[in-house]
N, C-alpha and C. Protein backbone atom coordinates (compact mmCIF):
# COMPACT_ATOMS: atom_id res chain seq x y z
N UNK A 1 8.55 29.47 38.75
CA UNK A 1 7.82 29.33 37.49
C UNK A 1 8.71 29.75 36.32
N UNK A 2 8.59 29.03 35.22
CA UNK A 2 9.30 29.39 34.01
C UNK A 2 8.37 30.22 33.12
N UNK A 3 8.97 31.19 32.41
CA UNK A 3 8.18 32.00 31.51
C UNK A 3 7.41 33.09 32.24
N UNK A 4 6.73 33.94 31.48
CA UNK A 4 5.99 35.05 32.09
C UNK A 4 4.92 34.54 33.06
N UNK A 5 4.84 35.19 34.19
CA UNK A 5 3.85 34.83 35.20
C UNK A 5 3.59 36.03 36.09
N UNK A 6 2.61 35.92 36.94
CA UNK A 6 2.27 36.96 37.89
C UNK A 6 2.55 36.48 39.31
N UNK A 7 2.93 37.40 40.16
CA UNK A 7 3.08 37.11 41.58
C UNK A 7 2.09 38.01 42.32
N UNK A 8 1.22 37.37 43.07
CA UNK A 8 0.14 38.08 43.75
C UNK A 8 0.41 38.08 45.25
N UNK A 9 0.77 39.24 45.78
CA UNK A 9 0.99 39.41 47.21
C UNK A 9 -0.35 39.79 47.85
N UNK A 10 -0.82 38.94 48.74
CA UNK A 10 -2.17 39.13 49.27
C UNK A 10 -2.26 38.58 50.68
N UNK A 11 -3.42 38.79 51.29
CA UNK A 11 -3.71 38.24 52.61
C UNK A 11 -5.19 37.88 52.65
N UNK A 12 -5.53 36.69 53.15
CA UNK A 12 -6.94 36.29 53.14
C UNK A 12 -7.83 37.14 54.04
N UNK A 13 -7.25 37.91 54.97
CA UNK A 13 -8.05 38.77 55.83
C UNK A 13 -7.80 40.25 55.54
N UNK A 14 -7.38 40.52 54.30
CA UNK A 14 -7.23 41.89 53.80
C UNK A 14 -8.46 42.21 52.95
N UNK A 15 -9.24 43.21 53.39
CA UNK A 15 -10.51 43.49 52.71
C UNK A 15 -10.31 43.94 51.27
N UNK A 16 -9.25 44.70 51.00
CA UNK A 16 -9.02 45.14 49.62
C UNK A 16 -8.60 43.96 48.74
N UNK A 17 -7.95 42.95 49.33
CA UNK A 17 -7.65 41.74 48.57
C UNK A 17 -8.93 40.98 48.23
N UNK A 18 -9.86 40.93 49.17
CA UNK A 18 -11.18 40.35 48.89
C UNK A 18 -11.84 41.13 47.75
N UNK A 19 -11.79 42.44 47.81
CA UNK A 19 -12.34 43.26 46.74
C UNK A 19 -11.66 43.01 45.40
N UNK A 20 -10.40 42.60 45.45
CA UNK A 20 -9.62 42.36 44.23
C UNK A 20 -9.86 40.96 43.67
N UNK A 21 -10.54 40.09 44.42
CA UNK A 21 -10.70 38.70 43.97
C UNK A 21 -11.40 38.59 42.61
N UNK A 22 -12.41 39.44 42.29
CA UNK A 22 -12.98 39.35 40.94
C UNK A 22 -11.98 39.71 39.84
N UNK A 23 -11.01 40.55 40.18
CA UNK A 23 -9.98 40.90 39.19
C UNK A 23 -9.11 39.69 38.88
N UNK A 24 -8.75 38.96 39.93
CA UNK A 24 -7.98 37.72 39.73
C UNK A 24 -8.78 36.75 38.89
N UNK A 25 -10.08 36.65 39.14
CA UNK A 25 -10.94 35.79 38.34
C UNK A 25 -10.94 36.22 36.87
N UNK A 26 -10.99 37.54 36.63
CA UNK A 26 -10.98 38.05 35.25
C UNK A 26 -9.66 37.71 34.55
N UNK A 27 -8.56 37.81 35.28
CA UNK A 27 -7.26 37.48 34.70
C UNK A 27 -7.22 36.00 34.32
N UNK A 28 -7.70 35.16 35.22
CA UNK A 28 -7.71 33.72 34.94
C UNK A 28 -8.63 33.40 33.75
N UNK A 29 -9.75 34.09 33.67
CA UNK A 29 -10.67 33.87 32.55
C UNK A 29 -10.03 34.31 31.23
N UNK A 30 -9.28 35.41 31.27
CA UNK A 30 -8.68 35.95 30.04
C UNK A 30 -7.47 35.15 29.58
N UNK A 31 -6.65 34.66 30.53
CA UNK A 31 -5.36 34.07 30.15
C UNK A 31 -5.20 32.61 30.56
N UNK A 32 -6.00 32.15 31.50
CA UNK A 32 -5.89 30.76 31.92
C UNK A 32 -4.49 30.38 32.36
N UNK A 33 -4.08 29.19 32.00
CA UNK A 33 -2.77 28.69 32.42
C UNK A 33 -1.63 29.28 31.60
N UNK A 34 -1.96 30.07 30.58
CA UNK A 34 -0.92 30.74 29.80
C UNK A 34 -0.22 31.81 30.62
N UNK A 35 -0.89 32.29 31.67
CA UNK A 35 -0.29 33.30 32.53
C UNK A 35 -0.50 32.87 33.99
N UNK A 36 0.36 31.99 34.49
CA UNK A 36 0.18 31.47 35.85
C UNK A 36 0.29 32.58 36.89
N UNK A 37 -0.39 32.35 38.01
CA UNK A 37 -0.36 33.30 39.12
C UNK A 37 0.17 32.59 40.35
N UNK A 38 1.27 33.10 40.90
CA UNK A 38 1.79 32.56 42.16
C UNK A 38 1.30 33.44 43.30
N UNK A 39 0.73 32.82 44.31
CA UNK A 39 0.20 33.54 45.47
C UNK A 39 1.25 33.56 46.57
N UNK A 40 1.55 34.73 47.07
CA UNK A 40 2.49 34.90 48.20
C UNK A 40 1.76 35.63 49.31
N UNK A 41 1.83 35.09 50.51
CA UNK A 41 1.16 35.72 51.65
C UNK A 41 1.95 36.94 52.15
N UNK A 42 1.25 38.05 52.27
CA UNK A 42 1.92 39.30 52.62
C UNK A 42 2.12 39.52 54.10
N UNK A 43 1.22 38.98 54.92
CA UNK A 43 1.35 39.19 56.35
C UNK A 43 0.76 40.50 56.81
N UNK A 44 -0.57 40.57 56.83
CA UNK A 44 -1.24 41.81 57.19
C UNK A 44 -1.14 42.11 58.69
N UNK A 45 -1.60 41.16 59.51
CA UNK A 45 -1.52 41.33 60.97
C UNK A 45 -1.18 40.00 61.63
N UNK A 46 -0.09 39.37 61.23
CA UNK A 46 0.22 38.06 61.82
C UNK A 46 0.66 38.19 63.27
N UNK A 47 0.19 37.27 64.09
CA UNK A 47 0.61 37.25 65.48
C UNK A 47 -0.13 38.19 66.39
N UNK A 48 -1.16 38.87 65.89
CA UNK A 48 -1.97 39.72 66.76
C UNK A 48 -2.55 38.86 67.88
N UNK A 49 -2.46 39.36 69.12
CA UNK A 49 -2.94 38.53 70.24
C UNK A 49 -3.91 39.25 71.17
N UNK A 50 -4.36 40.44 70.77
CA UNK A 50 -5.30 41.19 71.60
C UNK A 50 -6.65 41.27 70.92
N UNK A 51 -7.74 41.06 71.68
CA UNK A 51 -9.08 41.18 71.09
C UNK A 51 -9.32 42.57 70.51
N UNK A 52 -10.17 42.64 69.50
CA UNK A 52 -10.49 43.92 68.89
C UNK A 52 -11.25 44.80 69.87
N UNK A 53 -10.92 46.09 69.84
CA UNK A 53 -11.68 47.06 70.61
C UNK A 53 -12.85 47.55 69.77
N UNK A 54 -13.80 48.21 70.42
CA UNK A 54 -14.93 48.77 69.67
C UNK A 54 -14.46 49.78 68.64
N UNK A 55 -13.46 50.56 69.02
CA UNK A 55 -12.93 51.57 68.10
C UNK A 55 -12.30 50.91 66.87
N UNK A 56 -11.54 49.83 67.11
CA UNK A 56 -10.92 49.12 66.00
C UNK A 56 -11.97 48.50 65.09
N UNK A 57 -13.02 47.96 65.69
CA UNK A 57 -14.08 47.35 64.90
C UNK A 57 -14.73 48.40 63.99
N UNK A 58 -15.03 49.57 64.53
CA UNK A 58 -15.65 50.62 63.74
C UNK A 58 -14.74 51.04 62.57
N UNK A 59 -13.44 51.12 62.85
CA UNK A 59 -12.49 51.49 61.80
C UNK A 59 -12.46 50.44 60.70
N UNK A 60 -12.42 49.17 61.09
CA UNK A 60 -12.37 48.09 60.11
C UNK A 60 -13.64 48.08 59.26
N UNK A 61 -14.80 48.21 59.91
CA UNK A 61 -16.06 48.21 59.17
C UNK A 61 -16.12 49.38 58.19
N UNK A 62 -15.54 50.50 58.58
CA UNK A 62 -15.47 51.64 57.66
C UNK A 62 -14.68 51.30 56.42
N UNK A 63 -13.55 50.60 56.58
CA UNK A 63 -12.76 50.15 55.43
C UNK A 63 -13.57 49.20 54.57
N UNK A 64 -14.29 48.30 55.23
CA UNK A 64 -15.09 47.33 54.48
C UNK A 64 -16.16 48.02 53.65
N UNK A 65 -16.72 49.06 54.17
CA UNK A 65 -17.72 49.81 53.41
C UNK A 65 -17.11 50.41 52.14
N UNK A 66 -15.88 50.91 52.25
CA UNK A 66 -15.19 51.47 51.08
C UNK A 66 -14.96 50.37 50.04
N UNK A 67 -14.56 49.19 50.49
CA UNK A 67 -14.31 48.09 49.55
C UNK A 67 -15.62 47.67 48.87
N UNK A 68 -16.69 47.62 49.65
CA UNK A 68 -17.99 47.28 49.08
C UNK A 68 -18.39 48.27 47.99
N UNK A 69 -18.17 49.56 48.26
CA UNK A 69 -18.53 50.59 47.28
C UNK A 69 -17.71 50.44 46.00
N UNK A 70 -16.43 50.08 46.15
CA UNK A 70 -15.55 49.97 44.98
C UNK A 70 -15.78 48.69 44.19
N UNK A 71 -16.07 47.60 44.89
CA UNK A 71 -16.11 46.29 44.25
C UNK A 71 -17.51 45.71 44.08
N UNK A 72 -18.46 46.18 44.90
CA UNK A 72 -19.80 45.61 44.89
C UNK A 72 -19.93 44.29 45.61
N UNK A 73 -18.87 43.81 46.23
CA UNK A 73 -18.92 42.52 46.91
C UNK A 73 -19.65 42.63 48.25
N UNK A 74 -20.29 41.55 48.68
CA UNK A 74 -21.03 41.58 49.95
C UNK A 74 -20.12 41.46 51.17
N UNK A 75 -20.55 42.08 52.25
CA UNK A 75 -19.84 42.00 53.53
C UNK A 75 -20.85 41.72 54.64
N UNK A 76 -20.43 40.93 55.62
CA UNK A 76 -21.22 40.69 56.82
C UNK A 76 -20.33 40.97 58.02
N UNK A 77 -20.49 42.13 58.62
CA UNK A 77 -19.60 42.55 59.71
C UNK A 77 -19.87 41.81 61.01
N UNK A 78 -20.89 40.95 61.03
CA UNK A 78 -21.21 40.21 62.26
C UNK A 78 -20.05 39.32 62.70
N UNK A 79 -19.18 38.93 61.78
CA UNK A 79 -18.05 38.08 62.16
C UNK A 79 -17.16 38.77 63.20
N UNK A 80 -17.17 40.09 63.20
CA UNK A 80 -16.34 40.84 64.15
C UNK A 80 -16.99 40.96 65.52
N UNK A 81 -18.25 40.56 65.61
CA UNK A 81 -18.97 40.67 66.88
C UNK A 81 -18.76 39.48 67.79
N UNK A 82 -18.01 38.50 67.35
CA UNK A 82 -17.75 37.34 68.21
C UNK A 82 -17.01 37.79 69.47
N UNK A 83 -17.43 37.34 70.64
CA UNK A 83 -16.78 37.77 71.89
C UNK A 83 -15.29 37.46 71.87
N UNK A 84 -14.49 38.49 72.15
CA UNK A 84 -13.05 38.30 72.22
C UNK A 84 -12.36 38.05 70.89
N UNK A 85 -13.02 38.43 69.78
CA UNK A 85 -12.43 38.14 68.47
C UNK A 85 -11.06 38.80 68.33
N UNK A 86 -10.08 38.01 67.89
CA UNK A 86 -8.71 38.47 67.67
C UNK A 86 -8.42 38.44 66.17
N UNK A 87 -8.09 39.59 65.63
CA UNK A 87 -7.88 39.72 64.17
C UNK A 87 -6.44 39.31 63.83
N UNK A 88 -6.15 38.02 64.03
CA UNK A 88 -4.84 37.47 63.71
C UNK A 88 -4.92 36.86 62.31
N UNK A 89 -4.16 37.40 61.38
CA UNK A 89 -4.24 36.95 60.00
C UNK A 89 -3.37 35.73 59.71
N UNK A 90 -2.55 35.32 60.66
CA UNK A 90 -1.61 34.24 60.40
C UNK A 90 -2.28 32.89 60.17
N UNK A 91 -3.29 32.48 60.95
CA UNK A 91 -3.88 31.16 60.70
C UNK A 91 -4.42 30.98 59.28
N UNK A 92 -5.13 31.96 58.77
CA UNK A 92 -5.69 31.85 57.42
C UNK A 92 -4.59 31.88 56.36
N UNK A 93 -3.59 32.72 56.57
CA UNK A 93 -2.47 32.77 55.62
C UNK A 93 -1.75 31.43 55.58
N UNK A 94 -1.56 30.82 56.74
CA UNK A 94 -0.90 29.52 56.80
C UNK A 94 -1.72 28.45 56.09
N UNK A 95 -3.04 28.56 56.19
CA UNK A 95 -3.90 27.62 55.49
C UNK A 95 -3.72 27.73 53.98
N UNK A 96 -3.59 28.95 53.46
CA UNK A 96 -3.35 29.14 52.03
C UNK A 96 -2.02 28.52 51.64
N UNK A 97 -1.01 28.70 52.47
CA UNK A 97 0.32 28.14 52.20
C UNK A 97 0.25 26.62 52.14
N UNK A 98 -0.49 26.00 53.06
CA UNK A 98 -0.62 24.55 53.04
C UNK A 98 -1.37 24.11 51.78
N UNK A 99 -2.42 24.81 51.41
CA UNK A 99 -3.15 24.49 50.17
C UNK A 99 -2.25 24.65 48.95
N UNK A 100 -1.34 25.60 49.00
CA UNK A 100 -0.44 25.87 47.87
C UNK A 100 0.46 24.68 47.56
N UNK A 101 0.69 23.84 48.55
CA UNK A 101 1.51 22.65 48.32
C UNK A 101 0.88 21.72 47.29
N UNK A 102 -0.43 21.88 47.07
CA UNK A 102 -1.14 21.08 46.07
C UNK A 102 -1.23 21.79 44.73
N UNK A 103 -0.60 22.96 44.63
CA UNK A 103 -0.59 23.67 43.36
C UNK A 103 -1.06 25.10 43.49
N UNK A 104 -0.59 25.94 42.61
CA UNK A 104 -0.91 27.36 42.66
C UNK A 104 -2.40 27.63 42.40
N UNK A 105 -3.01 26.85 41.53
CA UNK A 105 -4.42 27.08 41.24
C UNK A 105 -5.28 26.81 42.47
N UNK A 106 -4.95 25.77 43.21
CA UNK A 106 -5.70 25.48 44.43
C UNK A 106 -5.46 26.57 45.47
N UNK A 107 -4.22 27.06 45.55
CA UNK A 107 -3.93 28.14 46.49
C UNK A 107 -4.80 29.36 46.22
N UNK A 108 -4.93 29.73 44.96
CA UNK A 108 -5.74 30.89 44.59
C UNK A 108 -7.21 30.65 44.89
N UNK A 109 -7.68 29.44 44.63
CA UNK A 109 -9.08 29.11 44.91
C UNK A 109 -9.34 29.11 46.42
N UNK A 110 -8.41 28.53 47.17
CA UNK A 110 -8.58 28.50 48.62
C UNK A 110 -8.55 29.91 49.19
N UNK A 111 -7.64 30.74 48.70
CA UNK A 111 -7.57 32.13 49.14
C UNK A 111 -8.91 32.83 48.92
N UNK A 112 -9.48 32.68 47.74
CA UNK A 112 -10.77 33.31 47.45
C UNK A 112 -11.86 32.74 48.34
N UNK A 113 -11.81 31.44 48.60
CA UNK A 113 -12.81 30.83 49.46
C UNK A 113 -12.72 31.31 50.89
N UNK A 114 -11.50 31.47 51.39
CA UNK A 114 -11.31 31.97 52.75
C UNK A 114 -11.78 33.42 52.86
N UNK A 115 -11.52 34.20 51.84
CA UNK A 115 -11.99 35.59 51.83
C UNK A 115 -13.52 35.65 51.86
N UNK A 116 -14.14 34.87 51.02
CA UNK A 116 -15.60 34.86 50.96
C UNK A 116 -16.19 34.37 52.29
N UNK A 117 -15.57 33.34 52.87
CA UNK A 117 -16.05 32.79 54.13
C UNK A 117 -16.01 33.84 55.23
N UNK A 118 -14.93 34.59 55.30
CA UNK A 118 -14.76 35.58 56.37
C UNK A 118 -15.63 36.80 56.15
N UNK A 119 -15.56 37.37 54.96
CA UNK A 119 -16.20 38.66 54.71
C UNK A 119 -17.70 38.55 54.44
N UNK A 120 -18.13 37.49 53.78
CA UNK A 120 -19.52 37.42 53.34
C UNK A 120 -20.35 36.37 54.06
N UNK A 121 -19.69 35.38 54.70
CA UNK A 121 -20.42 34.24 55.25
C UNK A 121 -20.33 34.14 56.77
N UNK A 122 -19.72 35.14 57.41
CA UNK A 122 -19.66 35.16 58.88
C UNK A 122 -19.00 33.90 59.43
N UNK A 123 -17.89 33.48 58.81
CA UNK A 123 -17.15 32.31 59.28
C UNK A 123 -15.80 32.78 59.80
N UNK A 124 -15.41 32.29 60.95
CA UNK A 124 -14.20 32.76 61.64
C UNK A 124 -12.98 32.01 61.11
N UNK A 125 -12.28 32.61 60.16
CA UNK A 125 -11.13 31.94 59.54
C UNK A 125 -9.86 32.06 60.37
N UNK A 126 -9.97 32.54 61.61
CA UNK A 126 -8.85 32.40 62.54
C UNK A 126 -8.89 31.03 63.22
N UNK A 127 -9.96 30.27 62.98
CA UNK A 127 -10.16 28.96 63.60
C UNK A 127 -9.65 27.84 62.69
N UNK A 128 -8.84 26.96 63.26
CA UNK A 128 -8.35 25.83 62.49
C UNK A 128 -9.46 24.93 61.99
N UNK A 129 -10.52 24.79 62.79
CA UNK A 129 -11.63 23.94 62.37
C UNK A 129 -12.34 24.52 61.15
N UNK A 130 -12.54 25.82 61.15
CA UNK A 130 -13.18 26.47 59.99
C UNK A 130 -12.29 26.35 58.76
N UNK A 131 -11.00 26.54 58.95
CA UNK A 131 -10.07 26.42 57.82
C UNK A 131 -10.04 25.00 57.28
N UNK A 132 -10.17 24.02 58.17
CA UNK A 132 -10.23 22.62 57.73
C UNK A 132 -11.54 22.33 57.00
N UNK A 133 -12.62 22.96 57.45
CA UNK A 133 -13.89 22.83 56.72
C UNK A 133 -13.71 23.30 55.27
N UNK A 134 -13.05 24.43 55.13
CA UNK A 134 -12.80 24.97 53.78
C UNK A 134 -11.93 24.01 52.98
N UNK A 135 -10.92 23.45 53.62
CA UNK A 135 -10.03 22.52 52.93
C UNK A 135 -10.81 21.33 52.38
N UNK A 136 -11.74 20.82 53.17
CA UNK A 136 -12.59 19.72 52.71
C UNK A 136 -13.41 20.14 51.50
N UNK A 137 -13.91 21.37 51.54
CA UNK A 137 -14.71 21.87 50.42
C UNK A 137 -13.91 21.91 49.12
N UNK A 138 -12.59 22.03 49.24
CA UNK A 138 -11.73 22.08 48.06
C UNK A 138 -11.02 20.74 47.81
N UNK A 139 -11.56 19.69 48.43
CA UNK A 139 -11.09 18.34 48.11
C UNK A 139 -9.89 17.85 48.89
N UNK A 140 -9.48 18.57 49.93
CA UNK A 140 -8.35 18.15 50.74
C UNK A 140 -8.84 17.30 51.91
N UNK A 141 -8.00 16.37 52.34
CA UNK A 141 -8.35 15.50 53.46
C UNK A 141 -8.21 16.27 54.75
N UNK A 142 -9.26 16.29 55.55
CA UNK A 142 -9.36 17.18 56.70
C UNK A 142 -8.23 16.99 57.71
N UNK A 143 -8.03 15.77 58.18
CA UNK A 143 -7.05 15.55 59.25
C UNK A 143 -5.62 15.79 58.77
N UNK A 144 -5.33 15.40 57.54
CA UNK A 144 -4.00 15.66 56.98
C UNK A 144 -3.76 17.16 56.87
N UNK A 145 -4.80 17.88 56.44
CA UNK A 145 -4.68 19.34 56.34
C UNK A 145 -4.42 19.96 57.71
N UNK A 146 -5.21 19.55 58.71
CA UNK A 146 -5.05 20.12 60.05
C UNK A 146 -3.66 19.84 60.61
N UNK A 147 -3.17 18.63 60.40
CA UNK A 147 -1.83 18.29 60.90
C UNK A 147 -0.76 19.14 60.23
N UNK A 148 -0.89 19.31 58.91
CA UNK A 148 0.07 20.15 58.19
C UNK A 148 -0.03 21.59 58.64
N UNK A 149 -1.25 22.08 58.78
CA UNK A 149 -1.49 23.48 59.17
C UNK A 149 -0.90 23.78 60.55
N UNK A 150 -0.97 22.84 61.47
CA UNK A 150 -0.49 23.06 62.84
C UNK A 150 1.01 22.85 62.99
N UNK A 151 1.67 22.39 61.94
CA UNK A 151 3.08 22.03 62.06
C UNK A 151 4.00 23.24 62.09
N UNK A 152 5.14 23.05 62.71
CA UNK A 152 6.15 24.12 62.75
C UNK A 152 6.65 24.43 61.35
N UNK A 153 6.73 23.41 60.51
CA UNK A 153 7.18 23.60 59.13
C UNK A 153 6.28 24.58 58.39
N UNK A 154 4.96 24.42 58.55
CA UNK A 154 4.02 25.32 57.87
C UNK A 154 4.14 26.74 58.42
N UNK A 155 4.35 26.86 59.73
CA UNK A 155 4.51 28.19 60.32
C UNK A 155 5.74 28.89 59.74
N UNK A 156 6.83 28.16 59.62
CA UNK A 156 8.05 28.76 59.07
C UNK A 156 7.90 29.09 57.59
N UNK A 157 7.22 28.21 56.87
CA UNK A 157 6.99 28.47 55.44
C UNK A 157 6.17 29.74 55.24
N UNK A 158 5.18 29.94 56.11
CA UNK A 158 4.34 31.13 56.00
C UNK A 158 5.12 32.39 56.32
N UNK A 159 5.93 32.33 57.34
CA UNK A 159 6.74 33.51 57.69
C UNK A 159 7.81 33.79 56.63
N UNK A 160 8.23 32.76 55.89
CA UNK A 160 9.12 33.02 54.76
C UNK A 160 8.40 33.82 53.68
N UNK A 161 7.11 33.52 53.50
CA UNK A 161 6.31 34.33 52.57
C UNK A 161 6.32 35.79 52.99
N UNK A 162 6.10 36.04 54.28
CA UNK A 162 6.09 37.43 54.76
C UNK A 162 7.44 38.10 54.47
N UNK A 163 8.52 37.34 54.66
CA UNK A 163 9.85 37.90 54.41
C UNK A 163 10.06 38.21 52.93
N UNK A 164 9.57 37.31 52.07
CA UNK A 164 9.65 37.55 50.62
C UNK A 164 8.92 38.83 50.27
N UNK A 165 7.74 39.01 50.84
CA UNK A 165 6.94 40.21 50.58
C UNK A 165 7.70 41.46 51.01
N UNK A 166 8.27 41.44 52.19
CA UNK A 166 9.01 42.59 52.69
C UNK A 166 10.24 42.87 51.84
N UNK A 167 10.97 41.80 51.48
CA UNK A 167 12.19 41.96 50.68
C UNK A 167 11.89 42.47 49.27
N UNK A 168 10.67 42.19 48.80
CA UNK A 168 10.26 42.68 47.47
C UNK A 168 9.80 44.13 47.52
N UNK A 169 9.78 44.71 48.71
CA UNK A 169 9.37 46.10 48.85
C UNK A 169 7.87 46.31 48.81
N UNK A 170 7.11 45.23 49.05
CA UNK A 170 5.64 45.34 49.05
C UNK A 170 5.21 46.00 50.35
N UNK A 171 4.47 47.09 50.25
CA UNK A 171 4.05 47.83 51.44
C UNK A 171 2.53 47.83 51.63
N UNK A 172 1.80 47.26 50.70
CA UNK A 172 0.35 47.20 50.82
C UNK A 172 -0.20 46.08 49.96
N UNK A 173 -1.41 45.69 50.28
CA UNK A 173 -2.05 44.58 49.57
C UNK A 173 -3.42 45.02 49.06
N UNK A 174 -3.81 44.54 47.90
CA UNK A 174 -3.09 43.61 47.03
C UNK A 174 -1.97 44.31 46.25
N UNK A 175 -0.94 43.54 45.94
CA UNK A 175 0.09 43.98 45.00
C UNK A 175 0.28 42.86 43.99
N UNK A 176 0.28 43.23 42.72
CA UNK A 176 0.43 42.26 41.64
C UNK A 176 1.60 42.68 40.77
N UNK A 177 2.56 41.78 40.60
CA UNK A 177 3.70 42.08 39.73
C UNK A 177 3.79 41.02 38.65
N UNK A 178 4.41 41.38 37.54
CA UNK A 178 4.54 40.47 36.42
C UNK A 178 5.97 40.40 35.93
N UNK A 179 6.33 39.26 35.37
CA UNK A 179 7.66 39.12 34.82
C UNK A 179 7.96 37.64 34.54
N UNK A 180 9.18 37.33 34.24
CA UNK A 180 10.22 38.29 33.92
C UNK A 180 10.18 38.67 32.44
N UNK A 181 10.74 39.86 32.13
CA UNK A 181 10.91 40.20 30.72
C UNK A 181 12.21 39.58 30.21
N UNK A 182 12.64 39.96 29.00
CA UNK A 182 13.82 39.30 28.45
C UNK A 182 15.10 39.67 29.19
N UNK A 183 15.03 40.69 30.06
CA UNK A 183 16.17 41.02 30.91
C UNK A 183 16.04 40.41 32.31
N UNK A 184 14.99 39.63 32.50
CA UNK A 184 14.77 39.02 33.80
C UNK A 184 14.17 39.94 34.83
N UNK A 185 13.57 41.05 34.38
CA UNK A 185 13.05 42.07 35.29
C UNK A 185 11.54 41.89 35.47
N UNK A 186 11.10 42.14 36.71
CA UNK A 186 9.68 42.13 37.03
C UNK A 186 9.17 43.57 37.14
N UNK A 187 7.91 43.77 36.79
CA UNK A 187 7.32 45.10 36.88
C UNK A 187 6.00 45.06 37.61
N UNK A 188 5.61 46.21 38.15
CA UNK A 188 4.37 46.30 38.92
C UNK A 188 3.18 46.40 37.97
N UNK A 189 2.19 45.54 38.21
CA UNK A 189 0.91 45.63 37.50
C UNK A 189 -0.02 46.56 38.26
N UNK A 190 -0.11 46.36 39.55
CA UNK A 190 -0.88 47.28 40.40
C UNK A 190 -0.41 47.18 41.84
N UNK A 191 -0.35 48.34 42.48
CA UNK A 191 -0.17 48.41 43.93
C UNK A 191 -1.50 48.88 44.51
N UNK A 192 -2.16 48.02 45.25
CA UNK A 192 -3.46 48.36 45.77
C UNK A 192 -4.56 47.97 44.79
N UNK A 193 -5.78 48.18 45.24
CA UNK A 193 -6.94 47.78 44.43
C UNK A 193 -7.02 48.62 43.15
N UNK A 194 -7.38 47.94 42.07
CA UNK A 194 -7.70 48.61 40.80
C UNK A 194 -8.79 47.78 40.14
N UNK A 195 -9.68 48.40 39.37
CA UNK A 195 -10.77 47.66 38.72
C UNK A 195 -10.25 46.74 37.62
N UNK A 196 -11.04 45.74 37.26
CA UNK A 196 -10.57 44.75 36.27
C UNK A 196 -10.12 45.36 34.96
N UNK A 197 -10.88 46.32 34.43
CA UNK A 197 -10.53 46.86 33.12
C UNK A 197 -9.16 47.55 33.14
N UNK A 198 -8.82 48.18 34.25
CA UNK A 198 -7.52 48.85 34.36
C UNK A 198 -6.39 47.83 34.42
N UNK A 199 -6.57 46.80 35.23
CA UNK A 199 -5.54 45.77 35.38
C UNK A 199 -5.34 45.01 34.08
N UNK A 200 -6.44 44.66 33.42
CA UNK A 200 -6.32 43.91 32.17
C UNK A 200 -5.66 44.75 31.07
N UNK A 201 -5.89 46.05 31.08
CA UNK A 201 -5.23 46.92 30.10
C UNK A 201 -3.72 46.93 30.33
N UNK A 202 -3.31 46.99 31.58
CA UNK A 202 -1.87 46.94 31.90
C UNK A 202 -1.28 45.62 31.44
N UNK A 203 -1.99 44.53 31.69
CA UNK A 203 -1.48 43.22 31.29
C UNK A 203 -1.38 43.09 29.78
N UNK A 204 -2.37 43.60 29.07
CA UNK A 204 -2.31 43.53 27.61
C UNK A 204 -1.10 44.27 27.07
N UNK A 205 -0.83 45.44 27.62
CA UNK A 205 0.34 46.20 27.17
C UNK A 205 1.63 45.50 27.52
N UNK A 206 1.67 44.91 28.71
CA UNK A 206 2.88 44.21 29.15
C UNK A 206 3.13 42.99 28.27
N UNK A 207 2.10 42.21 28.00
CA UNK A 207 2.26 41.01 27.17
C UNK A 207 2.63 41.39 25.74
N UNK A 208 2.04 42.48 25.24
CA UNK A 208 2.41 42.93 23.90
C UNK A 208 3.88 43.34 23.85
N UNK A 209 4.36 43.96 24.91
CA UNK A 209 5.76 44.35 24.97
C UNK A 209 6.70 43.17 24.99
N UNK A 210 6.29 42.11 25.69
CA UNK A 210 7.12 40.91 25.73
C UNK A 210 7.17 40.25 24.37
N UNK A 211 6.02 40.26 23.69
CA UNK A 211 5.94 39.57 22.39
C UNK A 211 6.60 40.35 21.27
N UNK A 212 6.82 41.67 21.48
CA UNK A 212 7.36 42.51 20.42
C UNK A 212 8.79 42.12 20.07
């Protein structure tokens, strides 16, 4: 991207990223296309291949309760009750990457849709069929999406995102950075969840600094 923009390191199966989705909406409402947002998949638990244990489920639901308290967003923990559910974040992240090929705005919308589907609508976004359902909802052709999503190219593209996240020193999600300034430097807007008013205040100061 040319000019000032934001880079949003996130994961569609990261509960705090779901909690942060209204903040992204507020940023888009405030700045629109004047401040583009590039979505990069962070890789929360890619490649997990073991079903969740009862202990893990209780721990995850506890985190979800904290996110609900902070953000007010709805959660339906029944999605974790599916027999043999495997909390592999790679399929949903890969779906966002495939959607991103149609533009950053669609990537952000698809990410938010996948989060809502998983956390609030009891839809299993580790399933290619569910992810294709979402793609159709956002105007993408189902079979073309599924073919792209299943391809080795998409898998490698997604893992490149994870590498970018690691190389950028991102250790938690959500992480939002902004830049470049006139020296070509990027700065952190927030590491982890923060409420909209706090994030927007940081952005206002950053944009004022660029314009000065």
